[in-house]
Amino acid sequence: MRQQNHWLDHVAFVNGIVDQGSMLLGGPLSDFDRNGEPVDPTDAVGPNRTYRALIVLEADTEEELTKLLDDDPWSKHHVLETAAIYRWEMLVGKHRLGLNRA
């Protein structure tokens, strides 16, 4: 994963949106090998040998969320493709993460 084009630009972008509070969680998803053992999450997975990630972003509107995703250098250079966007409400763990705001 780290050897992909525009890695350093992607990392700088992600660090920026983490610092501004827009990205709450993020990271690569892994697969399991034929023996049921987890594969290194920085290795490509699946039949097309792609990388997968799960990210949790906070935005006031869908437009703002889409802009965050589109501004990532990996999105601009077609290294990252957004497969789906879902609205999520955290019901468990808010207090542990310090997200118990009104």
Protein backbone atom coordinates (compact mmCIF):
# COMPACT_ATOMS: atom_id res chain seq x y z
CA MET A 1 0.00 0.00 0.00
CA ARG A 2 2.74 2.45 0.94
CA GLN A 3 4.42 1.94 -2.43
CA GLN A 4 1.38 3.26 -4.32
CA ASN A 5 1.66 6.48 -6.26
CA HIS A 6 0.99 9.69 -4.33
CA TRP A 7 1.39 7.96 -0.93
CA LEU A 8 3.08 10.92 0.77
CA ASP A 9 0.46 13.36 -0.56
CA HIS A 10 -2.31 11.04 0.66
CA VAL A 11 -0.72 10.78 4.14
CA ALA A 12 -0.36 14.56 4.39
CA PHE A 13 -4.00 15.00 3.36
CA VAL A 14 -5.24 12.40 5.87
CA ASN A 15 -3.17 13.91 8.68
CA GLY A 16 -4.72 17.30 7.85
CA ILE A 17 -8.33 16.11 8.03
CA VAL A 18 -7.55 14.20 11.23
CA ASP A 19 -6.09 17.38 12.75
CA GLN A 20 -9.17 19.40 11.76
CA GLY A 21 -11.43 16.73 13.28
CA SER A 22 -13.09 15.55 10.07
CA MET A 23 -11.65 12.01 10.10
CA LEU A 24 -12.48 10.04 13.22
CA LEU A 25 -11.24 6.58 12.23
CA GLY A 26 -9.58 5.04 9.23
CA GLY A 27 -7.42 2.20 8.06
CA PRO A 28 -6.96 -0.67 5.65
CA LEU A 29 -9.18 -3.74 5.69
CA SER A 30 -7.59 -7.15 5.37
CA ASP A 31 -8.71 -10.55 4.21
CA PHE A 32 -8.15 -14.08 5.45
CA ASP A 33 -5.96 -16.64 3.70
CA ARG A 34 -7.01 -20.21 2.82
CA ASN A 35 -6.07 -21.35 6.33
CA GLY A 36 -8.29 -18.75 7.96
CA GLU A 37 -5.33 -16.61 9.04
CA PRO A 38 -5.53 -12.83 8.67
CA VAL A 39 -3.61 -11.33 5.76
CA ASP A 40 -1.42 -8.27 6.34
CA PRO A 41 -3.81 -5.30 5.92
CA THR A 42 -1.21 -3.48 3.84
CA ASP A 43 -1.34 -6.28 1.21
CA ALA A 44 -3.74 -6.11 -1.73
CA VAL A 45 -6.74 -8.43 -1.41
CA GLY A 46 -9.41 -10.08 -3.52
CA PRO A 47 -9.41 -11.34 -7.09
CA ASN A 48 -8.49 -7.90 -8.50
CA ARG A 49 -5.67 -7.42 -5.94
CA THR A 50 -7.01 -4.11 -4.65
CA TYR A 51 -6.65 -2.31 -1.34
CA ARG A 52 -9.67 -1.72 0.83
CA ALA A 53 -10.16 0.73 3.65
CA LEU A 54 -12.84 1.79 6.06
CA ILE A 55 -12.96 5.41 7.10
CA VAL A 56 -15.29 7.30 9.41
CA LEU A 57 -15.65 10.98 8.57
CA GLU A 58 -17.67 13.67 10.25
CA ALA A 59 -19.39 16.24 8.05
CA ASP A 60 -22.48 18.41 8.34
CA THR A 61 -23.76 17.65 4.83
CA GLU A 62 -23.36 15.01 2.17
CA GLU A 63 -21.81 17.68 -0.07
CA GLU A 64 -19.15 18.42 2.56
CA LEU A 65 -18.45 14.70 2.94
CA THR A 66 -18.10 14.20 -0.81
CA LYS A 67 -15.73 17.16 -1.01
CA LEU A 68 -13.54 15.64 1.70
CA LEU A 69 -13.32 12.39 -0.26
CA ASP A 70 -12.77 14.13 -3.59
CA ASP A 71 -9.97 16.32 -2.19
CA ASP A 72 -7.85 13.29 -1.25
CA PRO A 73 -4.90 13.07 -3.70
CA TRP A 74 -5.60 9.36 -4.07
CA SER A 75 -9.13 10.20 -5.26
CA LYS A 76 -7.84 12.87 -7.65
CA HIS A 77 -5.34 10.41 -9.18
CA HIS A 78 -7.77 7.45 -9.20
CA VAL A 79 -5.76 5.43 -6.69
CA LEU A 80 -8.73 5.46 -4.31
CA GLU A 81 -12.28 4.78 -5.42
CA THR A 82 -15.17 5.38 -3.06
CA ALA A 83 -17.32 2.25 -3.18
CA ALA A 84 -20.10 3.39 -0.85
CA ILE A 85 -21.09 6.14 1.56
CA TYR A 86 -23.36 5.46 4.49
CA ARG A 87 -24.67 7.65 7.27
CA TRP A 88 -23.75 6.20 10.65
CA GLU A 89 -24.86 7.07 14.14
CA MET A 90 -22.62 5.86 16.93
CA LEU A 91 -24.72 4.31 19.66
CA VAL A 92 -22.05 2.41 21.58
CA GLY A 93 -18.71 3.84 22.63
CA LYS A 94 -19.45 7.58 22.49
CA HIS A 95 -18.46 8.15 26.09
CA ARG A 96 -15.22 6.20 25.79
CA LEU A 97 -14.19 8.25 22.77
CA GLY A 98 -15.15 11.54 24.40
CA LEU A 99 -17.95 12.14 21.91
CA ASN A 100 -20.70 12.77 24.44
CA ARG A 101 -21.54 16.21 23.14
CA ALA A 102 -25.09 17.49 22.87
